[in-house]
Each structure stands twice: as structure tokens, then as C-alpha cells.
Amino acid sequence: DIITKWNAREDTTSWYAHKIRDAWISEAAEKLDAR
């Protein structure tokens, strides 16, 4: 789902796009680290 959302974005190079990418990675990492 995260990869699909990232690939669907038109803008993947701006600072905002990288912050969105980092947020998605952080959310996924939090789910992975749970417990």
C-alpha cells in the first residue's frame, strides 16, 4: 500500500514529498516495532 501510494504521487522529488515518504516509513516502522 505504501509503495502504491508513493508510485502514484506525481511529486517525488520535493522536500515535502520526502517528508511524506519519511512519515510513511516511520509509521510502518512503528507497526513493525510494536511489542
PDB file of all heavy atoms in Angstrom:
ATOM      1  N   ASP A   1       0.833  -1.212   0.000  1.00  0.00           N
ATOM      2  CA  ASP A   1       0.000   0.000   0.000  1.00  0.00           C
ATOM      3  C   ASP A   1       0.867   1.261   0.000  1.00  0.00           C
ATOM      4  O   ASP A   1       0.581   2.218  -0.726  1.00  0.00           O
ATOM      5  CB  ASP A   1      -0.923   0.020   1.220  1.00  0.00           C
ATOM      6  CG  ASP A   1      -2.051  -0.984   1.121  1.00  0.00           C
ATOM      7  OD1 ASP A   1      -2.290  -1.515   0.015  1.00  0.00           O
ATOM      8  OD2 ASP A   1      -2.685  -1.255   2.167  1.00  0.00           O
ATOM      9  N   ILE A   2       1.929   1.257   0.805  1.00  0.00           N
ATOM     10  CA  ILE A   2       2.819   2.425   0.867  1.00  0.00           C
ATOM     11  C   ILE A   2       3.523   2.611  -0.472  1.00  0.00           C
ATOM     12  O   ILE A   2       3.617   3.738  -0.988  1.00  0.00           O
ATOM     13  CB  ILE A   2       3.829   2.266   2.018  1.00  0.00           C
ATOM     14  CG1 ILE A   2       3.104   2.331   3.358  1.00  0.00           C
ATOM     15  CG2 ILE A   2       4.905   3.343   1.948  1.00  0.00           C
ATOM     16  CD1 ILE A   2       3.968   1.986   4.550  1.00  0.00           C
ATOM     17  N   ILE A   3       4.008   1.519  -1.064  1.00  0.00           N
ATOM     18  CA  ILE A   3       4.693   1.606  -2.363  1.00  0.00           C
ATOM     19  C   ILE A   3       3.729   2.115  -3.432  1.00  0.00           C
ATOM     20  O   ILE A   3       4.085   2.970  -4.260  1.00  0.00           O
ATOM     21  CB  ILE A   3       5.290   0.241  -2.748  1.00  0.00           C
ATOM     22  CG1 ILE A   3       6.436  -0.112  -1.798  1.00  0.00           C
ATOM     23  CG2 ILE A   3       5.778   0.224  -4.189  1.00  0.00           C
ATOM     24  CD1 ILE A   3       6.936  -1.536  -1.926  1.00  0.00           C
ATOM     25  N   THR A   4       2.496   1.630  -3.422  1.00  0.00           N
ATOM     26  CA  THR A   4       1.490   2.069  -4.396  1.00  0.00           C
ATOM     27  C   THR A   4       1.201   3.557  -4.243  1.00  0.00           C
ATOM     28  O   THR A   4       1.129   4.289  -5.236  1.00  0.00           O
ATOM     29  CB  THR A   4       0.205   1.248  -4.233  1.00  0.00           C
ATOM     30  OG1 THR A   4       0.522  -0.139  -4.369  1.00  0.00           O
ATOM     31  CG2 THR A   4      -0.840   1.639  -5.251  1.00  0.00           C
ATOM     32  N   LYS A   5       1.054   4.008  -2.990  1.00  0.00           N
ATOM     33  CA  LYS A   5       0.798   5.438  -2.758  1.00  0.00           C
ATOM     34  C   LYS A   5       1.990   6.280  -3.213  1.00  0.00           C
ATOM     35  O   LYS A   5       1.807   7.354  -3.791  1.00  0.00           O
ATOM     36  CB  LYS A   5       0.505   5.704  -1.273  1.00  0.00           C
ATOM     37  CG  LYS A   5      -0.862   5.236  -0.814  1.00  0.00           C
ATOM     38  CD  LYS A   5      -1.229   5.765   0.553  1.00  0.00           C
ATOM     39  CE  LYS A   5      -0.376   5.234   1.658  1.00  0.00           C
ATOM     40  NZ  LYS A   5      -0.810   5.604   3.010  1.00  0.00           N
ATOM     41  N   TRP A   6       3.195   5.808  -2.963  1.00  0.00           N
ATOM     42  CA  TRP A   6       4.390   6.567  -3.362  1.00  0.00           C
ATOM     43  C   TRP A   6       4.503   6.644  -4.882  1.00  0.00           C
ATOM     44  O   TRP A   6       4.792   7.696  -5.434  1.00  0.00           O
ATOM     45  CB  TRP A   6       5.637   5.935  -2.764  1.00  0.00           C
ATOM     46  CG  TRP A   6       6.906   6.642  -3.144  1.00  0.00           C
ATOM     47  CD1 TRP A   6       7.850   6.206  -4.010  1.00  0.00           C
ATOM     48  CD2 TRP A   6       7.347   7.923  -2.686  1.00  0.00           C
ATOM     49  NE1 TRP A   6       8.859   7.118  -4.105  1.00  0.00           N
ATOM     50  CE2 TRP A   6       8.583   8.195  -3.309  1.00  0.00           C
ATOM     51  CE3 TRP A   6       6.821   8.870  -1.817  1.00  0.00           C
ATOM     52  CZ2 TRP A   6       9.299   9.365  -3.086  1.00  0.00           C
ATOM     53  CZ3 TRP A   6       7.535  10.031  -1.589  1.00  0.00           C
ATOM     54  CH2 TRP A   6       8.757  10.273  -2.219  1.00  0.00           C
ATOM     55  N   ASN A   7       4.272   5.517  -5.548  1.00  0.00           N
ATOM     56  CA  ASN A   7       4.369   5.497  -7.005  1.00  0.00           C
ATOM     57  C   ASN A   7       3.244   6.289  -7.668  1.00  0.00           C
ATOM     58  O   ASN A   7       3.402   6.751  -8.796  1.00  0.00           O
ATOM     59  CB  ASN A   7       4.389   4.060  -7.529  1.00  0.00           C
ATOM     60  CG  ASN A   7       5.682   3.347  -7.173  1.00  0.00           C
ATOM     61  OD1 ASN A   7       6.711   3.978  -6.963  1.00  0.00           O
ATOM     62  ND2 ASN A   7       5.612   2.034  -7.085  1.00  0.00           N
ATOM     63  N   ALA A   8       2.121   6.451  -6.983  1.00  0.00           N
ATOM     64  CA  ALA A   8       1.003   7.210  -7.538  1.00  0.00           C
ATOM     65  C   ALA A   8       1.221   8.728  -7.426  1.00  0.00           C
ATOM     66  O   ALA A   8       0.545   9.501  -8.101  1.00  0.00           O
ATOM     67  CB  ALA A   8      -0.295   6.824  -6.833  1.00  0.00           C
ATOM     68  N   ARG A   9       2.164   9.133  -6.606  1.00  0.00           N
ATOM     69  CA  ARG A   9       2.439  10.568  -6.441  1.00  0.00           C
ATOM     70  C   ARG A   9       3.110  11.114  -7.689  1.00  0.00           C
ATOM     71  O   ARG A   9       3.981  10.484  -8.276  1.00  0.00           O
ATOM     72  CB  ARG A   9       3.351  10.817  -5.238  1.00  0.00           C
ATOM     73  CG  ARG A   9       2.700  10.560  -3.897  1.00  0.00           C
ATOM     74  CD  ARG A   9       3.653  10.934  -2.769  1.00  0.00           C
ATOM     75  NE  ARG A   9       4.131  12.304  -2.875  1.00  0.00           N
ATOM     76  CZ  ARG A   9       3.507  13.378  -2.392  1.00  0.00           C
ATOM     77  NH1 ARG A   9       2.359  13.243  -1.798  1.00  0.00           N
ATOM     78  NH2 ARG A   9       4.033  14.582  -2.534  1.00  0.00           N
ATOM     79  N   GLU A  10       2.704  12.301  -8.073  1.00  0.00           N
ATOM     80  CA  GLU A  10       3.352  12.969  -9.194  1.00  0.00           C
ATOM     81  C   GLU A  10       4.677  13.583  -8.742  1.00  0.00           C
ATOM     82  O   GLU A  10       5.661  13.563  -9.466  1.00  0.00           O
ATOM     83  CB  GLU A  10       2.448  14.052  -9.778  1.00  0.00           C
ATOM     84  CG  GLU A  10       1.231  13.496 -10.481  1.00  0.00           C
ATOM     85  CD  GLU A  10       0.341  14.599 -11.013  1.00  0.00           C
ATOM     86  OE1 GLU A  10       0.808  15.747 -11.164  1.00  0.00           O
ATOM     87  OE2 GLU A  10      -0.832  14.302 -11.288  1.00  0.00           O
ATOM     88  N   ASP A  11       4.677  14.128  -7.525  1.00  0.00           N
ATOM     89  CA  ASP A  11       5.862  14.790  -6.998  1.00  0.00           C
ATOM     90  C   ASP A  11       6.569  13.834  -6.033  1.00  0.00           C
ATOM     91  O   ASP A  11       6.053  13.506  -4.972  1.00  0.00           O
ATOM     92  CB  ASP A  11       5.448  16.062  -6.264  1.00  0.00           C
ATOM     93  CG  ASP A  11       6.610  16.710  -5.542  1.00  0.00           C
ATOM     94  OD1 ASP A  11       7.757  16.547  -6.003  1.00  0.00           O
ATOM     95  OD2 ASP A  11       6.365  17.376  -4.518  1.00  0.00           O
ATOM     96  N   THR A  12       7.752  13.360  -6.412  1.00  0.00           N
ATOM     97  CA  THR A  12       8.536  12.507  -5.520  1.00  0.00           C
ATOM     98  C   THR A  12       9.914  13.098  -5.246  1.00  0.00           C
ATOM     99  O   THR A  12      10.757  12.423  -4.658  1.00  0.00           O
ATOM    100  CB  THR A  12       8.709  11.097  -6.121  1.00  0.00           C
ATOM    101  OG1 THR A  12       9.354  11.221  -7.384  1.00  0.00           O
ATOM    102  CG2 THR A  12       7.389  10.379  -6.255  1.00  0.00           C
ATOM    103  N   THR A  13      10.138  14.334  -5.667  1.00  0.00           N
ATOM    104  CA  THR A  13      11.471  14.922  -5.531  1.00  0.00           C
ATOM    105  C   THR A  13      11.529  16.104  -4.581  1.00  0.00           C
ATOM    106  O   THR A  13      12.617  16.460  -4.132  1.00  0.00           O
ATOM    107  CB  THR A  13      11.994  15.378  -6.909  1.00  0.00           C
ATOM    108  OG1 THR A  13      11.074  16.315  -7.469  1.00  0.00           O
ATOM    109  CG2 THR A  13      12.151  14.189  -7.845  1.00  0.00           C
ATOM    110  N   SER A  14      10.407  16.699  -4.262  1.00  0.00           N
ATOM    111  CA  SER A  14      10.441  17.903  -3.424  1.00  0.00           C
ATOM    112  C   SER A  14      10.701  17.540  -1.957  1.00  0.00           C
ATOM    113  O   SER A  14      10.626  16.386  -1.546  1.00  0.00           O
ATOM    114  CB  SER A  14       9.113  18.659  -3.528  1.00  0.00           C
ATOM    115  OG  SER A  14       8.088  17.940  -2.883  1.00  0.00           O
ATOM    116  N   TRP A  15      10.987  18.571  -1.201  1.00  0.00           N
ATOM    117  CA  TRP A  15      11.210  18.404   0.233  1.00  0.00           C
ATOM    118  C   TRP A  15       9.957  17.835   0.895  1.00  0.00           C
ATOM    119  O   TRP A  15      10.054  16.949   1.748  1.00  0.00           O
ATOM    120  CB  TRP A  15      11.583  19.759   0.829  1.00  0.00           C
ATOM    121  CG  TRP A  15      11.871  19.712   2.296  1.00  0.00           C
ATOM    122  CD1 TRP A  15      13.046  19.381   2.877  1.00  0.00           C
ATOM    123  CD2 TRP A  15      10.951  19.999   3.361  1.00  0.00           C
ATOM    124  NE1 TRP A  15      12.939  19.445   4.240  1.00  0.00           N
ATOM    125  CE2 TRP A  15      11.652  19.820   4.567  1.00  0.00           C
ATOM    126  CE3 TRP A  15       9.618  20.386   3.411  1.00  0.00           C
ATOM    127  CZ2 TRP A  15      11.071  20.016   5.798  1.00  0.00           C
ATOM    128  CZ3 TRP A  15       9.035  20.573   4.642  1.00  0.00           C
ATOM    129  CH2 TRP A  15       9.758  20.397   5.824  1.00  0.00           C
ATOM    130  N   TYR A  16       8.770  18.335   0.496  1.00  0.00           N
ATOM    131  CA  TYR A  16       7.504  17.856   1.066  1.00  0.00           C
ATOM    132  C   TYR A  16       7.286  16.385   0.749  1.00  0.00           C
ATOM    133  O   TYR A  16       6.837  15.619   1.605  1.00  0.00           O
ATOM    134  CB  TYR A  16       6.331  18.699   0.549  1.00  0.00           C
ATOM    135  CG  TYR A  16       6.369  20.118   1.034  1.00  0.00           C
ATOM    136  CD1 TYR A  16       6.702  21.155   0.185  1.00  0.00           C
ATOM    137  CD2 TYR A  16       6.087  20.425   2.362  1.00  0.00           C
ATOM    138  CE1 TYR A  16       6.757  22.462   0.630  1.00  0.00           C
ATOM    139  CE2 TYR A  16       6.144  21.723   2.830  1.00  0.00           C
ATOM    140  CZ  TYR A  16       6.474  22.737   1.959  1.00  0.00           C
ATOM    141  OH  TYR A  16       6.538  24.025   2.416  1.00  0.00           O
ATOM    142  N   ALA A  17       7.604  15.981  -0.468  1.00  0.00           N
ATOM    143  CA  ALA A  17       7.444  14.577  -0.850  1.00  0.00           C
ATOM    144  C   ALA A  17       8.344  13.683   0.002  1.00  0.00           C
ATOM    145  O   ALA A  17       7.918  12.607   0.445  1.00  0.00           O
ATOM    146  CB  ALA A  17       7.762  14.395  -2.331  1.00  0.00           C
ATOM    147  N   HIS A  18       9.552  14.122   0.264  1.00  0.00           N
ATOM    148  CA  HIS A  18      10.467  13.323   1.084  1.00  0.00           C
ATOM    149  C   HIS A  18       9.998  13.249   2.535  1.00  0.00           C
ATOM    150  O   HIS A  18      10.181  12.210   3.193  1.00  0.00           O
ATOM    151  CB  HIS A  18      11.887  13.880   0.995  1.00  0.00           C
ATOM    152  CG  HIS A  18      12.521  13.627  -0.340  1.00  0.00           C
ATOM    153  ND1 HIS A  18      12.974  12.386  -0.721  1.00  0.00           N
ATOM    154  CD2 HIS A  18      12.751  14.440  -1.394  1.00  0.00           C
ATOM    155  CE1 HIS A  18      13.469  12.454  -1.942  1.00  0.00           C
ATOM    156  NE2 HIS A  18      13.333  13.692  -2.382  1.00  0.00           N
ATOM    157  N   LYS A  19       9.385  14.311   3.014  1.00  0.00           N
ATOM    158  CA  LYS A  19       8.848  14.284   4.386  1.00  0.00           C
ATOM    159  C   LYS A  19       7.652  13.343   4.474  1.00  0.00           C
ATOM    160  O   LYS A  19       7.482  12.638   5.474  1.00  0.00           O
ATOM    161  CB  LYS A  19       8.464  15.696   4.860  1.00  0.00           C
ATOM    162  CG  LYS A  19       9.648  16.598   5.065  1.00  0.00           C
ATOM    163  CD  LYS A  19      10.623  15.972   6.048  1.00  0.00           C
ATOM    164  CE  LYS A  19      11.941  16.703   6.070  1.00  0.00           C
ATOM    165  NZ  LYS A  19      12.956  15.982   6.817  1.00  0.00           N
ATOM    166  N   ILE A  20       6.823  13.317   3.436  1.00  0.00           N
ATOM    167  CA  ILE A  20       5.692  12.374   3.400  1.00  0.00           C
ATOM    168  C   ILE A  20       6.229  10.944   3.368  1.00  0.00           C
ATOM    169  O   ILE A  20       5.750  10.062   4.086  1.00  0.00           O
ATOM    170  CB  ILE A  20       4.779  12.674   2.203  1.00  0.00           C
ATOM    171  CG1 ILE A  20       4.031  13.991   2.429  1.00  0.00           C
ATOM    172  CG2 ILE A  20       3.798  11.530   1.948  1.00  0.00           C
ATOM    173  CD1 ILE A  20       3.276  14.506   1.232  1.00  0.00           C
ATOM    174  N   ARG A  21       7.244  10.713   2.540  1.00  0.00           N
ATOM    175  CA  ARG A  21       7.882   9.392   2.451  1.00  0.00           C
ATOM    176  C   ARG A  21       8.429   8.979   3.811  1.00  0.00           C
ATOM    177  O   ARG A  21       8.219   7.858   4.269  1.00  0.00           O
ATOM    178  CB  ARG A  21       9.004   9.446   1.410  1.00  0.00           C
ATOM    179  CG  ARG A  21       9.828   8.196   1.294  1.00  0.00           C
ATOM    180  CD  ARG A  21      10.994   8.440   0.317  1.00  0.00           C
ATOM    181  NE  ARG A  21      11.842   7.293   0.194  1.00  0.00           N
ATOM    182  CZ  ARG A  21      12.912   7.077   0.944  1.00  0.00           C
ATOM    183  NH1 ARG A  21      13.255   7.932   1.882  1.00  0.00           N
ATOM    184  NH2 ARG A  21      13.639   5.996   0.743  1.00  0.00           N
ATOM    185  N   ASP A  22       9.128   9.906   4.476  1.00  0.00           N
ATOM    186  CA  ASP A  22       9.689   9.611   5.795  1.00  0.00           C
ATOM    187  C   ASP A  22       8.591   9.307   6.817  1.00  0.00           C
ATOM    188  O   ASP A  22       8.754   8.432   7.674  1.00  0.00           O
ATOM    189  CB  ASP A  22      10.540  10.779   6.288  1.00  0.00           C
ATOM    190  CG  ASP A  22      11.817  10.957   5.483  1.00  0.00           C
ATOM    191  OD1 ASP A  22      12.191  10.019   4.742  1.00  0.00           O
ATOM    192  OD2 ASP A  22      12.423  12.050   5.589  1.00  0.00           O
ATOM    193  N   ALA A  23       7.476  10.027   6.719  1.00  0.00           N
ATOM    194  CA  ALA A  23       6.359   9.774   7.643  1.00  0.00           C
ATOM    195  C   ALA A  23       5.765   8.385   7.418  1.00  0.00           C
ATOM    196  O   ALA A  23       5.462   7.665   8.376  1.00  0.00           O
ATOM    197  CB  ALA A  23       5.281  10.843   7.470  1.00  0.00           C
ATOM    198  N   TRP A  24       5.597   7.993   6.157  1.00  0.00           N
ATOM    199  CA  TRP A  24       5.068   6.656   5.861  1.00  0.00           C
ATOM    200  C   TRP A  24       6.024   5.570   6.348  1.00  0.00           C
ATOM    201  O   TRP A  24       5.596   4.559   6.896  1.00  0.00           O
ATOM    202  CB  TRP A  24       4.817   6.502   4.365  1.00  0.00           C
ATOM    203  CG  TRP A  24       3.646   7.280   3.853  1.00  0.00           C
ATOM    204  CD1 TRP A  24       2.619   7.798   4.583  1.00  0.00           C
ATOM    205  CD2 TRP A  24       3.375   7.628   2.507  1.00  0.00           C
ATOM    206  NE1 TRP A  24       1.731   8.459   3.761  1.00  0.00           N
ATOM    207  CE2 TRP A  24       2.170   8.358   2.477  1.00  0.00           C
ATOM    208  CE3 TRP A  24       4.046   7.400   1.302  1.00  0.00           C
ATOM    209  CZ2 TRP A  24       1.612   8.847   1.310  1.00  0.00           C
ATOM    210  CZ3 TRP A  24       3.487   7.897   0.131  1.00  0.00           C
ATOM    211  CH2 TRP A  24       2.285   8.602   0.137  1.00  0.00           C
ATOM    212  N   ILE A  25       7.307   5.788   6.148  1.00  0.00           N
ATOM    213  CA  ILE A  25       8.305   4.820   6.622  1.00  0.00           C
ATOM    214  C   ILE A  25       8.274   4.741   8.145  1.00  0.00           C
ATOM    215  O   ILE A  25       8.345   3.658   8.730  1.00  0.00           O
ATOM    216  CB  ILE A  25       9.708   5.196   6.097  1.00  0.00           C
ATOM    217  CG1 ILE A  25       9.783   4.965   4.588  1.00  0.00           C
ATOM    218  CG2 ILE A  25      10.790   4.402   6.818  1.00  0.00           C
ATOM    219  CD1 ILE A  25      11.039   5.506   3.933  1.00  0.00           C
ATOM    220  N   SER A  26       8.156   5.885   8.790  1.00  0.00           N
ATOM    221  CA  SER A  26       8.105   5.926  10.252  1.00  0.00           C
ATOM    222  C   SER A  26       6.871   5.198  10.796  1.00  0.00           C
ATOM    223  O   SER A  26       6.964   4.459  11.783  1.00  0.00           O
ATOM    224  CB  SER A  26       8.122   7.373  10.727  1.00  0.00           C
ATOM    225  OG  SER A  26       8.038   7.444  12.111  1.00  0.00           O
ATOM    226  N   GLU A  27       5.722   5.408  10.161  1.00  0.00           N
ATOM    227  CA  GLU A  27       4.501   4.709  10.587  1.00  0.00           C
ATOM    228  C   GLU A  27       4.655   3.199  10.422  1.00  0.00           C
ATOM    229  O   GLU A  27       4.244   2.425  11.300  1.00  0.00           O
ATOM    230  CB  GLU A  27       3.301   5.207   9.792  1.00  0.00           C
ATOM    231  CG  GLU A  27       2.857   6.599  10.152  1.00  0.00           C
ATOM    232  CD  GLU A  27       1.786   7.148   9.209  1.00  0.00           C
ATOM    233  OE1 GLU A  27       1.291   6.374   8.347  1.00  0.00           O
ATOM    234  OE2 GLU A  27       1.450   8.328   9.329  1.00  0.00           O
ATOM    235  N   ALA A  28       5.229   2.783   9.308  1.00  0.00           N
ATOM    236  CA  ALA A  28       5.436   1.352   9.077  1.00  0.00           C
ATOM    237  C   ALA A  28       6.434   0.777  10.083  1.00  0.00           C
ATOM    238  O   ALA A  28       6.237  -0.322  10.609  1.00  0.00           O
ATOM    239  CB  ALA A  28       5.917   1.109   7.651  1.00  0.00           C
ATOM    240  N   ALA A  29       7.488   1.524  10.373  1.00  0.00           N
ATOM    241  CA  ALA A  29       8.485   1.073  11.345  1.00  0.00           C
ATOM    242  C   ALA A  29       7.873   0.942  12.732  1.00  0.00           C
ATOM    243  O   ALA A  29       8.195   0.007  13.482  1.00  0.00           O
ATOM    244  CB  ALA A  29       9.663   2.037  11.375  1.00  0.00           C
ATOM    245  N   GLU A  30       6.979   1.860  13.062  1.00  0.00           N
ATOM    246  CA  GLU A  30       6.304   1.786  14.356  1.00  0.00           C
ATOM    247  C   GLU A  30       5.446   0.529  14.454  1.00  0.00           C
ATOM    248  O   GLU A  30       5.416  -0.146  15.487  1.00  0.00           O
ATOM    249  CB  GLU A  30       5.444   3.038  14.556  1.00  0.00           C
ATOM    250  CG  GLU A  30       4.892   3.176  15.945  1.00  0.00           C
ATOM    251  CD  GLU A  30       4.139   4.484  16.122  1.00  0.00           C
ATOM    252  OE1 GLU A  30       4.589   5.513  15.605  1.00  0.00           O
ATOM    253  OE2 GLU A  30       3.082   4.445  16.776  1.00  0.00           O
ATOM    254  N   LYS A  31       4.763   0.192  13.369  1.00  0.00           N
ATOM    255  CA  LYS A  31       3.969  -1.042  13.351  1.00  0.00           C
ATOM    256  C   LYS A  31       4.862  -2.270  13.460  1.00  0.00           C
ATOM    257  O   LYS A  31       4.506  -3.245  14.116  1.00  0.00           O
ATOM    258  CB  LYS A  31       3.134  -1.112  12.069  1.00  0.00           C
ATOM    259  CG  LYS A  31       1.999  -0.128  12.031  1.00  0.00           C
ATOM    260  CD  LYS A  31       1.255  -0.203  10.710  1.00  0.00           C
ATOM    261  CE  LYS A  31       0.190   0.876  10.632  1.00  0.00           C
ATOM    262  NZ  LYS A  31      -0.478   0.896   9.319  1.00  0.00           N
ATOM    263  N   LEU A  32       6.012  -2.219  12.801  1.00  0.00           N
ATOM    264  CA  LEU A  32       6.942  -3.355  12.863  1.00  0.00           C
ATOM    265  C   LEU A  32       7.535  -3.530  14.259  1.00  0.00           C
ATOM    266  O   LEU A  32       7.723  -4.650  14.724  1.00  0.00           O
ATOM    267  CB  LEU A  32       8.073  -3.166  11.844  1.00  0.00           C
ATOM    268  CG  LEU A  32       7.739  -3.456  10.390  1.00  0.00           C
ATOM    269  CD1 LEU A  32       8.863  -2.960   9.494  1.00  0.00           C
ATOM    270  CD2 LEU A  32       7.498  -4.935  10.177  1.00  0.00           C
ATOM    271  N   ASP A  33       7.836  -2.436  14.918  1.00  0.00           N
ATOM    272  CA  ASP A  33       8.484  -2.489  16.225  1.00  0.00           C
ATOM    273  C   ASP A  33       7.516  -2.748  17.378  1.00  0.00           C
ATOM    274  O   ASP A  33       7.957  -2.928  18.518  1.00  0.00           O
ATOM    275  CB  ASP A  33       9.233  -1.181  16.500  1.00  0.00           C
ATOM    276  CG  ASP A  33      10.497  -1.063  15.691  1.00  0.00           C
ATOM    277  OD1 ASP A  33      11.079  -2.102  15.321  1.00  0.00           O
ATOM    278  OD2 ASP A  33      10.910   0.088  15.406  1.00  0.00           O
ATOM    279  N   ALA A  34       6.225  -2.763  17.085  1.00  0.00           N
ATOM    280  CA  ALA A  34       5.235  -2.949  18.149  1.00  0.00           C
ATOM    281  C   ALA A  34       5.494  -4.264  18.881  1.00  0.00           C
ATOM    282  O   ALA A  34       5.726  -5.303  18.264  1.00  0.00           O
ATOM    283  CB  ALA A  34       3.823  -2.945  17.564  1.00  0.00           C
ATOM    284  N   ARG A  35       5.498  -4.219  20.173  1.00  0.00           N
ATOM    285  CA  ARG A  35       5.637  -5.356  21.075  1.00  0.00           C
ATOM    286  C   ARG A  35       7.019  -6.011  21.102  1.00  0.00           C
ATOM    287  O   ARG A  35       7.221  -6.978  21.820  1.00  0.00           O
ATOM    288  CB  ARG A  35       4.553  -6.396  20.807  1.00  0.00           C
ATOM    289  CG  ARG A  35       3.169  -5.887  21.202  1.00  0.00           C
ATOM    290  CD  ARG A  35       2.099  -6.879  20.938  1.00  0.00           C
ATOM    291  NE  ARG A  35       1.510  -6.881  19.622  1.00  0.00           N
ATOM    292  CZ  ARG A  35       0.848  -5.889  19.048  1.00  0.00           C
ATOM    293  NH1 ARG A  35       0.702  -4.761  19.676  1.00  0.00           N
ATOM    294  NH2 ARG A  35       0.330  -6.003  17.855  1.00  0.00           N
TER     295      ARG A  35
END
